[in-house]
Amino acid sequence: MKGLIVVDMQKDFCYPEGALYGGDRVYGVIKPLVRFIDAFRTSGDEVIYTMDWHREDDVEFKIWPSHCIEHSEGAEIVEELKPEKNDFVVKKRKYTAFFGTDLDMFLREKNIEEIYLAGVLANICVLHTAADAVLRGYNVTVVKDCIEALSDYDLEYALRHMENILKCEIVESEEILKK
């Protein structure tokens, strides 16, 4: 069984009124991701969502402006990608989806060894989640057209790091959907 981890596709990042809107490039990930998630569900594989989930006084706000406050509208997953009943949702307070969550336990209970990563931001939460997954022994594939960053440089940096340092496979969603 495989697992698709959809990283932080939340209103504060993906919609223009969001606290940390990433611009059109981030919004543009939604369309290919809808199709990819549908294919995962159809195949019976697991779809997992991560949510940046902060308290109002979170220490991260010394680095970034306030965003994704727990239970706020901005913390909600975008309407186009709403989780379904059987999807697993991970609320996280740090960049990686593994720190302080039960993601690793869920993946092991489901016998998932192969992870596909999508979402935002490529050089922050996607990258840190990829690193933790690799160091825990998972095989990680990054879905290139389903991730994005705030700039070309940030995206390229993240992809190069995940491919060359973490040894993740980097592929377009169409390559996976053809299999």
N, C-alpha and C. Protein backbone atom coordinates (compact mmCIF):
# COMPACT_ATOMS: atom_id res chain seq x y z
N MET A 1 0.84 -1.19 0.00
CA MET A 1 0.00 0.00 0.00
C MET A 1 0.89 1.25 0.00
N LYS A 2 0.37 2.29 -0.65
CA LYS A 2 1.09 3.56 -0.73
C LYS A 2 0.32 4.63 0.05
N GLY A 3 1.03 5.68 0.40
CA GLY A 3 0.41 6.81 1.07
C GLY A 3 0.77 8.12 0.38
N LEU A 4 -0.24 8.92 0.13
CA LEU A 4 -0.03 10.26 -0.41
C LEU A 4 -0.17 11.24 0.74
N ILE A 5 0.88 11.99 1.01
CA ILE A 5 0.83 13.01 2.06
C ILE A 5 0.68 14.37 1.36
N VAL A 6 -0.47 14.99 1.60
CA VAL A 6 -0.79 16.31 1.04
C VAL A 6 -0.45 17.33 2.12
N VAL A 7 0.61 18.08 1.91
CA VAL A 7 1.17 18.95 2.93
C VAL A 7 0.56 20.35 2.88
N ASP A 8 -0.12 20.73 3.95
CA ASP A 8 -0.51 22.11 4.26
C ASP A 8 -1.25 22.88 3.16
N MET A 9 -2.14 22.22 2.48
CA MET A 9 -2.94 22.90 1.46
C MET A 9 -4.12 23.59 2.16
N GLN A 10 -3.78 24.66 2.87
CA GLN A 10 -4.71 25.37 3.73
C GLN A 10 -5.00 26.77 3.21
N LYS A 11 -6.13 27.29 3.64
CA LYS A 11 -6.59 28.59 3.15
C LYS A 11 -5.59 29.71 3.42
N ASP A 12 -4.91 29.70 4.54
CA ASP A 12 -3.95 30.77 4.84
C ASP A 12 -2.77 30.79 3.86
N PHE A 13 -2.47 29.67 3.22
CA PHE A 13 -1.37 29.59 2.26
C PHE A 13 -1.84 29.68 0.81
N CYS A 14 -3.04 29.17 0.53
CA CYS A 14 -3.45 28.94 -0.86
C CYS A 14 -4.49 29.91 -1.41
N TYR A 15 -5.14 30.67 -0.56
CA TYR A 15 -6.17 31.61 -1.02
C TYR A 15 -5.67 33.04 -0.85
N PRO A 16 -6.03 33.94 -1.79
CA PRO A 16 -5.53 35.32 -1.74
C PRO A 16 -5.79 36.05 -0.42
N GLU A 17 -6.86 35.73 0.28
CA GLU A 17 -7.15 36.39 1.56
C GLU A 17 -6.39 35.74 2.73
N GLY A 18 -5.60 34.71 2.45
CA GLY A 18 -4.88 33.99 3.51
C GLY A 18 -3.77 34.81 4.13
N ALA A 19 -3.46 34.51 5.37
CA ALA A 19 -2.44 35.24 6.14
C ALA A 19 -1.05 35.14 5.52
N LEU A 20 -0.73 34.02 4.90
CA LEU A 20 0.57 33.84 4.25
C LEU A 20 0.38 33.32 2.82
N TYR A 21 -0.48 33.98 2.07
CA TYR A 21 -0.78 33.56 0.71
C TYR A 21 0.49 33.47 -0.12
N GLY A 22 0.67 32.34 -0.77
CA GLY A 22 1.87 32.10 -1.56
C GLY A 22 1.78 32.56 -3.00
N GLY A 23 0.69 33.18 -3.37
CA GLY A 23 0.55 33.70 -4.73
C GLY A 23 -0.03 32.67 -5.69
N ASP A 24 -0.14 33.10 -6.95
CA ASP A 24 -0.74 32.26 -7.98
C ASP A 24 -0.02 30.93 -8.15
N ARG A 25 1.28 30.93 -7.94
CA ARG A 25 2.03 29.69 -8.12
C ARG A 25 1.58 28.64 -7.11
N VAL A 26 1.28 29.05 -5.89
CA VAL A 26 0.79 28.11 -4.87
C VAL A 26 -0.64 27.70 -5.19
N TYR A 27 -1.47 28.65 -5.54
CA TYR A 27 -2.86 28.33 -5.91
C TYR A 27 -2.90 27.36 -7.08
N GLY A 28 -1.94 27.48 -7.99
CA GLY A 28 -1.89 26.64 -9.18
C GLY A 28 -1.65 25.16 -8.93
N VAL A 29 -1.23 24.80 -7.74
CA VAL A 29 -0.99 23.40 -7.41
C VAL A 29 -2.31 22.65 -7.20
N ILE A 30 -3.36 23.37 -6.90
CA ILE A 30 -4.64 22.73 -6.55
C ILE A 30 -5.17 21.85 -7.67
N LYS A 31 -5.20 22.35 -8.88
CA LYS A 31 -5.81 21.61 -9.99
C LYS A 31 -5.12 20.25 -10.23
N PRO A 32 -3.80 20.19 -10.42
CA PRO A 32 -3.20 18.87 -10.62
C PRO A 32 -3.33 17.97 -9.39
N LEU A 33 -3.38 18.58 -8.23
CA LEU A 33 -3.48 17.80 -7.00
C LEU A 33 -4.86 17.15 -6.86
N VAL A 34 -5.91 17.81 -7.30
CA VAL A 34 -7.26 17.22 -7.27
C VAL A 34 -7.25 15.90 -8.03
N ARG A 35 -6.71 15.92 -9.21
CA ARG A 35 -6.67 14.72 -10.06
C ARG A 35 -5.82 13.62 -9.42
N PHE A 36 -4.70 14.00 -8.85
CA PHE A 36 -3.79 13.02 -8.24
C PHE A 36 -4.43 12.38 -7.01
N ILE A 37 -5.07 13.19 -6.18
CA ILE A 37 -5.76 12.65 -4.99
C ILE A 37 -6.86 11.70 -5.42
N ASP A 38 -7.62 12.07 -6.43
CA ASP A 38 -8.70 11.19 -6.91
C ASP A 38 -8.15 9.84 -7.35
N ALA A 39 -7.02 9.85 -8.04
CA ALA A 39 -6.42 8.59 -8.49
C ALA A 39 -5.97 7.74 -7.31
N PHE A 40 -5.43 8.36 -6.28
CA PHE A 40 -5.02 7.62 -5.08
C PHE A 40 -6.22 6.99 -4.41
N ARG A 41 -7.29 7.75 -4.27
CA ARG A 41 -8.50 7.20 -3.64
C ARG A 41 -9.06 6.04 -4.45
N THR A 42 -9.09 6.20 -5.77
CA THR A 42 -9.62 5.16 -6.65
C THR A 42 -8.81 3.87 -6.52
N SER A 43 -7.50 3.99 -6.36
CA SER A 43 -6.65 2.80 -6.25
C SER A 43 -6.71 2.15 -4.87
N GLY A 44 -7.38 2.81 -3.91
CA GLY A 44 -7.49 2.24 -2.57
C GLY A 44 -6.31 2.56 -1.67
N ASP A 45 -5.41 3.41 -2.14
CA ASP A 45 -4.27 3.81 -1.31
C ASP A 45 -4.69 4.92 -0.36
N GLU A 46 -3.87 5.17 0.65
CA GLU A 46 -4.19 6.13 1.70
C GLU A 46 -3.89 7.57 1.26
N VAL A 47 -4.81 8.46 1.60
CA VAL A 47 -4.60 9.90 1.41
C VAL A 47 -4.51 10.51 2.80
N ILE A 48 -3.42 11.21 3.02
CA ILE A 48 -3.12 11.80 4.33
C ILE A 48 -2.94 13.29 4.13
N TYR A 49 -3.58 14.07 4.97
CA TYR A 49 -3.44 15.53 4.91
C TYR A 49 -2.68 16.00 6.14
N THR A 50 -1.77 16.94 5.94
CA THR A 50 -1.18 17.62 7.10
C THR A 50 -1.77 19.02 7.16
N MET A 51 -1.89 19.50 8.37
CA MET A 51 -2.39 20.85 8.60
C MET A 51 -1.45 21.57 9.55
N ASP A 52 -0.93 22.70 9.11
CA ASP A 52 -0.22 23.58 10.02
C ASP A 52 -1.26 23.99 11.06
N TRP A 53 -0.95 23.89 12.35
CA TRP A 53 -1.98 24.02 13.39
C TRP A 53 -1.34 24.68 14.60
N HIS A 54 -1.50 25.99 14.73
CA HIS A 54 -0.77 26.76 15.74
C HIS A 54 -1.67 27.35 16.81
N ARG A 55 -1.12 27.46 17.99
CA ARG A 55 -1.75 28.26 19.04
C ARG A 55 -1.44 29.73 18.74
N GLU A 56 -2.21 30.62 19.33
CA GLU A 56 -2.02 32.05 19.05
C GLU A 56 -0.65 32.58 19.47
N ASP A 57 -0.02 31.93 20.44
CA ASP A 57 1.28 32.39 20.94
C ASP A 57 2.42 31.49 20.47
N ASP A 58 2.23 30.80 19.37
CA ASP A 58 3.23 29.84 18.89
C ASP A 58 4.58 30.51 18.66
N VAL A 59 5.64 29.84 19.06
CA VAL A 59 7.00 30.35 18.92
C VAL A 59 7.37 30.57 17.45
N GLU A 60 6.73 29.85 16.54
CA GLU A 60 7.02 30.02 15.11
C GLU A 60 6.71 31.43 14.62
N PHE A 61 5.86 32.15 15.34
CA PHE A 61 5.49 33.49 14.92
C PHE A 61 6.60 34.50 15.19
N LYS A 62 7.72 34.05 15.74
CA LYS A 62 8.92 34.89 15.79
C LYS A 62 9.63 34.86 14.43
N ILE A 63 9.30 33.83 13.64
CA ILE A 63 9.89 33.66 12.32
C ILE A 63 8.92 34.14 11.23
N TRP A 64 7.68 33.72 11.33
CA TRP A 64 6.65 34.00 10.34
C TRP A 64 5.51 34.78 10.97
N PRO A 65 4.78 35.55 10.19
CA PRO A 65 3.57 36.18 10.72
C PRO A 65 2.57 35.11 11.18
N SER A 66 1.67 35.50 12.02
CA SER A 66 0.64 34.60 12.53
C SER A 66 -0.15 33.97 11.37
N HIS A 67 -0.35 32.65 11.43
CA HIS A 67 -1.07 31.93 10.38
C HIS A 67 -1.57 30.59 10.91
N CYS A 68 -2.56 30.05 10.26
CA CYS A 68 -3.10 28.72 10.57
C CYS A 68 -3.33 28.52 12.07
N ILE A 69 -3.99 29.51 12.67
CA ILE A 69 -4.34 29.41 14.09
C ILE A 69 -5.39 28.30 14.24
N GLU A 70 -5.17 27.42 15.21
CA GLU A 70 -6.08 26.29 15.41
C GLU A 70 -7.53 26.74 15.42
N HIS A 71 -8.36 25.99 14.72
CA HIS A 71 -9.81 26.21 14.62
C HIS A 71 -10.21 27.46 13.83
N SER A 72 -9.25 28.15 13.21
CA SER A 72 -9.59 29.34 12.42
C SER A 72 -9.94 28.93 10.99
N GLU A 73 -10.59 29.83 10.27
CA GLU A 73 -10.91 29.56 8.87
C GLU A 73 -9.63 29.40 8.05
N GLY A 74 -8.61 30.19 8.35
CA GLY A 74 -7.36 30.11 7.61
C GLY A 74 -6.65 28.78 7.77
N ALA A 75 -6.92 28.07 8.84
CA ALA A 75 -6.30 26.77 9.08
C ALA A 75 -7.00 25.64 8.34
N GLU A 76 -8.17 25.91 7.78
CA GLU A 76 -8.93 24.88 7.08
C GLU A 76 -8.25 24.50 5.77
N ILE A 77 -8.38 23.25 5.39
CA ILE A 77 -7.90 22.79 4.09
C ILE A 77 -8.78 23.42 3.01
N VAL A 78 -8.17 23.79 1.89
CA VAL A 78 -8.91 24.47 0.82
C VAL A 78 -10.10 23.63 0.38
N GLU A 79 -11.14 24.33 -0.03
CA GLU A 79 -12.41 23.68 -0.41
C GLU A 79 -12.22 22.62 -1.49
N GLU A 80 -11.36 22.90 -2.47
CA GLU A 80 -11.17 21.99 -3.60
C GLU A 80 -10.57 20.64 -3.19
N LEU A 81 -9.92 20.59 -2.04
CA LEU A 81 -9.19 19.39 -1.61
C LEU A 81 -9.69 18.81 -0.29
N LYS A 82 -10.89 19.12 0.10
CA LYS A 82 -11.40 18.70 1.41
C LYS A 82 -11.18 17.20 1.63
N PRO A 83 -10.68 16.84 2.81
CA PRO A 83 -10.52 15.42 3.13
C PRO A 83 -11.88 14.71 3.14
N GLU A 84 -11.84 13.45 2.78
CA GLU A 84 -13.03 12.61 2.85
C GLU A 84 -12.99 11.81 4.15
N LYS A 85 -14.06 11.11 4.42
CA LYS A 85 -14.24 10.39 5.69
C LYS A 85 -13.07 9.48 6.04
N ASN A 86 -12.54 8.74 5.08
CA ASN A 86 -11.49 7.77 5.37
C ASN A 86 -10.07 8.32 5.26
N ASP A 87 -9.93 9.59 4.92
CA ASP A 87 -8.60 10.19 4.85
C ASP A 87 -8.09 10.45 6.26
N PHE A 88 -6.78 10.40 6.42
CA PHE A 88 -6.15 10.64 7.71
C PHE A 88 -5.64 12.07 7.75
N VAL A 89 -5.91 12.80 8.83
CA VAL A 89 -5.51 14.20 8.96
C VAL A 89 -4.54 14.33 10.13
N VAL A 90 -3.41 14.97 9.87
CA VAL A 90 -2.37 15.19 10.87
C VAL A 90 -2.27 16.68 11.15
N LYS A 91 -2.51 17.07 12.38
CA LYS A 91 -2.32 18.46 12.78
C LYS A 91 -0.93 18.59 13.38
N LYS A 92 -0.15 19.53 12.83
CA LYS A 92 1.25 19.65 13.23
C LYS A 92 1.58 21.08 13.62
N ARG A 93 2.50 21.22 14.55
CA ARG A 93 2.91 22.55 14.99
C ARG A 93 4.29 22.94 14.48
N LYS A 94 4.97 22.02 13.85
CA LYS A 94 6.33 22.25 13.34
C LYS A 94 6.35 21.99 11.84
N TYR A 95 7.47 22.26 11.20
CA TYR A 95 7.57 22.08 9.76
C TYR A 95 7.33 20.63 9.33
N THR A 96 7.90 19.68 10.04
CA THR A 96 7.74 18.29 9.66
C THR A 96 6.45 17.70 10.20
N ALA A 97 5.84 16.84 9.40
CA ALA A 97 4.58 16.20 9.81
C ALA A 97 4.82 15.05 10.79
N PHE A 98 6.07 14.73 11.06
CA PHE A 98 6.37 13.61 11.96
C PHE A 98 6.59 14.05 13.41
N PHE A 99 7.03 15.27 13.64
CA PHE A 99 7.37 15.72 14.99
C PHE A 99 6.11 15.92 15.83
N GLY A 100 6.00 15.18 16.92
CA GLY A 100 4.90 15.36 17.86
C GLY A 100 3.54 14.92 17.33
N THR A 101 3.52 14.07 16.30
CA THR A 101 2.25 13.58 15.74
C THR A 101 2.28 12.05 15.72
N ASP A 102 1.17 11.46 15.34
CA ASP A 102 1.14 10.00 15.22
C ASP A 102 1.20 9.53 13.77
N LEU A 103 1.76 10.36 12.88
CA LEU A 103 1.87 10.00 11.47
C LEU A 103 2.67 8.71 11.28
N ASP A 104 3.83 8.61 11.90
CA ASP A 104 4.67 7.43 11.73
C ASP A 104 3.91 6.17 12.18
N MET A 105 3.22 6.24 13.29
CA MET A 105 2.46 5.10 13.79
C MET A 105 1.37 4.72 12.79
N PHE A 106 0.66 5.70 12.27
CA PHE A 106 -0.39 5.43 11.28
C PHE A 106 0.19 4.71 10.06
N LEU A 107 1.28 5.24 9.52
CA LEU A 107 1.90 4.64 8.33
C LEU A 107 2.33 3.20 8.59
N ARG A 108 2.91 2.96 9.74
CA ARG A 108 3.37 1.59 10.07
C ARG A 108 2.18 0.65 10.29
N GLU A 109 1.14 1.14 10.93
CA GLU A 109 -0.05 0.30 11.13
C GLU A 109 -0.70 -0.08 9.81
N LYS A 110 -0.61 0.77 8.83
CA LYS A 110 -1.18 0.53 7.50
C LYS A 110 -0.18 -0.17 6.57
N ASN A 111 1.01 -0.49 7.09
CA ASN A 111 2.07 -1.13 6.29
C ASN A 111 2.45 -0.33 5.05
N ILE A 112 2.47 0.98 5.22
CA ILE A 112 2.86 1.87 4.13
C ILE A 112 4.36 2.12 4.22
N GLU A 113 5.06 1.74 3.16
CA GLU A 113 6.50 1.98 3.07
C GLU A 113 6.85 2.98 1.98
N GLU A 114 5.89 3.21 1.09
CA GLU A 114 6.09 4.10 -0.05
C GLU A 114 5.20 5.33 0.11
N ILE A 115 5.86 6.49 0.20
CA ILE A 115 5.17 7.76 0.43
C ILE A 115 5.33 8.66 -0.79
N TYR A 116 4.24 9.30 -1.17
CA TYR A 116 4.26 10.34 -2.20
C TYR A 116 3.97 11.66 -1.50
N LEU A 117 4.76 12.68 -1.81
CA LEU A 117 4.59 13.99 -1.17
C LEU A 117 4.12 15.02 -2.18
N ALA A 118 3.16 15.83 -1.73
CA ALA A 118 2.63 16.94 -2.53
C ALA A 118 2.28 18.07 -1.57
N GLY A 119 2.09 19.27 -2.09
CA GLY A 119 1.65 20.38 -1.25
C GLY A 119 2.64 21.53 -1.18
N VAL A 120 2.54 22.29 -0.10
CA VAL A 120 3.33 23.51 0.05
C VAL A 120 3.91 23.61 1.46
N LEU A 121 4.87 24.35 1.63
CA LEU A 121 5.82 24.92 0.68
C LEU A 121 6.96 23.93 0.50
N ALA A 122 7.42 23.81 -0.74
CA ALA A 122 8.41 22.80 -1.09
C ALA A 122 9.67 22.87 -0.24
N ASN A 123 10.15 24.06 0.02
CA ASN A 123 11.43 24.23 0.72
C ASN A 123 11.28 24.31 2.23
N ILE A 124 10.06 24.19 2.73
CA ILE A 124 9.86 24.25 4.18
C ILE A 124 9.20 22.95 4.64
N CYS A 125 7.89 22.91 4.68
CA CYS A 125 7.22 21.75 5.26
C CYS A 125 7.33 20.49 4.42
N VAL A 126 7.31 20.62 3.09
CA VAL A 126 7.49 19.43 2.25
C VAL A 126 8.90 18.88 2.44
N LEU A 127 9.89 19.74 2.39
CA LEU A 127 11.29 19.31 2.55
C LEU A 127 11.54 18.67 3.91
N HIS A 128 11.08 19.28 4.97
CA HIS A 128 11.33 18.73 6.31
C HIS A 128 10.57 17.43 6.54
N THR A 129 9.38 17.31 5.98
CA THR A 129 8.64 16.05 6.07
C THR A 129 9.35 14.97 5.26
N ALA A 130 9.86 15.33 4.09
CA ALA A 130 10.61 14.36 3.27
C ALA A 130 11.84 13.86 4.03
N ALA A 131 12.57 14.77 4.65
CA ALA A 131 13.78 14.38 5.39
C ALA A 131 13.43 13.41 6.52
N ASP A 132 12.41 13.73 7.29
CA ASP A 132 12.01 12.84 8.38
C ASP A 132 11.54 11.48 7.86
N ALA A 133 10.82 11.46 6.76
CA ALA A 133 10.34 10.20 6.19
C ALA A 133 11.51 9.33 5.74
N VAL A 134 12.46 9.93 5.03
CA VAL A 134 13.62 9.18 4.56
C VAL A 134 14.41 8.63 5.75
N LEU A 135 14.63 9.44 6.75
CA LEU A 135 15.41 9.00 7.90
C LEU A 135 14.68 7.94 8.74
N ARG A 136 13.38 7.79 8.52
CA ARG A 136 12.60 6.73 9.17
C ARG A 136 12.49 5.48 8.29
N GLY A 137 13.13 5.52 7.13
CA GLY A 137 13.18 4.34 6.27
C GLY A 137 12.11 4.24 5.20
N TYR A 138 11.34 5.28 4.99
CA TYR A 138 10.31 5.25 3.95
C TYR A 138 10.93 5.56 2.60
N ASN A 139 10.35 5.00 1.54
CA ASN A 139 10.70 5.36 0.17
C ASN A 139 9.85 6.58 -0.18
N VAL A 140 10.48 7.66 -0.60
CA VAL A 140 9.76 8.91 -0.82
C VAL A 140 9.84 9.34 -2.28
N THR A 141 8.68 9.62 -2.83
CA THR A 141 8.56 10.19 -4.17
C THR A 141 7.91 11.55 -4.03
N VAL A 142 8.51 12.55 -4.63
CA VAL A 142 7.97 13.91 -4.61
C VAL A 142 7.29 14.15 -5.95
N VAL A 143 6.04 14.57 -5.89
CA VAL A 143 5.25 14.81 -7.10
C VAL A 143 5.47 16.26 -7.52
N LYS A 144 6.37 16.42 -8.48
CA LYS A 144 6.91 17.73 -8.84
C LYS A 144 5.85 18.76 -9.23
N ASP A 145 4.86 18.38 -9.99
CA ASP A 145 3.84 19.35 -10.42
C ASP A 145 2.76 19.56 -9.37
N CYS A 146 2.90 18.90 -8.24
CA CYS A 146 1.93 19.05 -7.14
C CYS A 146 2.57 19.64 -5.89
N ILE A 147 3.76 20.26 -6.06
CA ILE A 147 4.38 21.01 -4.96
C ILE A 147 4.72 22.40 -5.49
N GLU A 148 4.90 23.32 -4.57
CA GLU A 148 5.28 24.67 -4.99
C GLU A 148 5.96 25.40 -3.84
N ALA A 149 6.66 26.46 -4.19
CA ALA A 149 7.36 27.31 -3.22
C ALA A 149 7.06 28.76 -3.58
N LEU A 150 7.61 29.68 -2.82
CA LEU A 150 7.35 31.09 -3.05
C LEU A 150 8.15 31.68 -4.19
N SER A 151 9.21 30.98 -4.60
CA SER A 151 10.03 31.47 -5.71
C SER A 151 10.61 30.30 -6.48
N ASP A 152 11.08 30.58 -7.69
CA ASP A 152 11.74 29.55 -8.49
C ASP A 152 12.96 29.01 -7.74
N TYR A 153 13.73 29.91 -7.14
CA TYR A 153 14.92 29.50 -6.40
C TYR A 153 14.56 28.53 -5.28
N ASP A 154 13.55 28.88 -4.47
CA ASP A 154 13.15 28.02 -3.35
C ASP A 154 12.69 26.65 -3.83
N LEU A 155 11.94 26.62 -4.92
CA LEU A 155 11.47 25.35 -5.46
C LEU A 155 12.64 24.51 -5.96
N GLU A 156 13.52 25.13 -6.73
CA GLU A 156 14.68 24.41 -7.26
C GLU A 156 15.58 23.89 -6.14
N TYR A 157 15.82 24.73 -5.14
CA TYR A 157 16.62 24.30 -3.99
C TYR A 157 16.01 23.06 -3.34
N ALA A 158 14.71 23.11 -3.07
CA ALA A 158 14.04 22.00 -2.40
C ALA A 158 14.12 20.72 -3.23
N LEU A 159 13.84 20.84 -4.52
CA LEU A 159 13.89 19.66 -5.39
C LEU A 159 15.29 19.07 -5.45
N ARG A 160 16.29 19.92 -5.58
CA ARG A 160 17.68 19.44 -5.64
C ARG A 160 18.07 18.75 -4.34
N HIS A 161 17.69 19.34 -3.23
CA HIS A 161 18.03 18.76 -1.92
C HIS A 161 17.33 17.40 -1.74
N MET A 162 16.05 17.36 -2.07
CA MET A 162 15.32 16.10 -1.89
C MET A 162 15.85 15.00 -2.82
N GLU A 163 16.25 15.38 -4.02
CA GLU A 163 16.76 14.39 -4.97
C GLU A 163 18.20 13.98 -4.65
N ASN A 164 19.08 14.95 -4.44
CA ASN A 164 20.50 14.66 -4.31
C ASN A 164 20.96 14.29 -2.91
N ILE A 165 20.36 14.85 -1.90
CA ILE A 165 20.76 14.58 -0.52
C ILE A 165 19.89 13.49 0.10
N LEU A 166 18.57 13.63 -0.06
CA LEU A 166 17.65 12.67 0.56
C LEU A 166 17.39 11.45 -0.33
N LYS A 167 17.76 11.55 -1.60
CA LYS A 167 17.57 10.46 -2.57
C LYS A 167 16.11 10.13 -2.81
N CYS A 168 15.27 11.16 -2.77
CA CYS A 168 13.86 11.00 -3.13
C CYS A 168 13.76 10.91 -4.64
N GLU A 169 12.76 10.22 -5.11
CA GLU A 169 12.47 10.22 -6.53
C GLU A 169 11.61 11.45 -6.82
N ILE A 170 11.92 12.15 -7.89
CA ILE A 170 11.16 13.34 -8.28
C ILE A 170 10.47 13.03 -9.60
N VAL A 171 9.14 13.07 -9.61
CA VAL A 171 8.40 12.74 -10.82
C VAL A 171 7.20 13.65 -11.00
N GLU A 172 6.72 13.72 -12.23
CA GLU A 172 5.49 14.44 -12.55
C GLU A 172 4.31 13.50 -12.27
N SER A 173 3.18 14.06 -11.91
CA SER A 173 2.01 13.25 -11.59
C SER A 173 1.60 12.36 -12.76
N GLU A 174 1.72 12.84 -13.98
CA GLU A 174 1.33 12.04 -15.16
C GLU A 174 2.13 10.75 -15.24
N GLU A 175 3.41 10.78 -14.86
CA GLU A 175 4.24 9.57 -14.90
C GLU A 175 3.67 8.51 -13.95
N ILE A 176 3.19 8.96 -12.80
CA ILE A 176 2.66 8.03 -11.82
C ILE A 176 1.28 7.54 -12.24
N LEU A 177 0.47 8.43 -12.76
CA LEU A 177 -0.89 8.05 -13.16
C LEU A 177 -0.90 7.07 -14.33
N LYS A 178 0.15 7.06 -15.14
CA LYS A 178 0.24 6.14 -16.27
C LYS A 178 0.52 4.71 -15.83
N LYS A 179 1.10 4.55 -14.64
CA LYS A 179 1.49 3.21 -14.16
C LYS A 179 0.30 2.36 -13.81
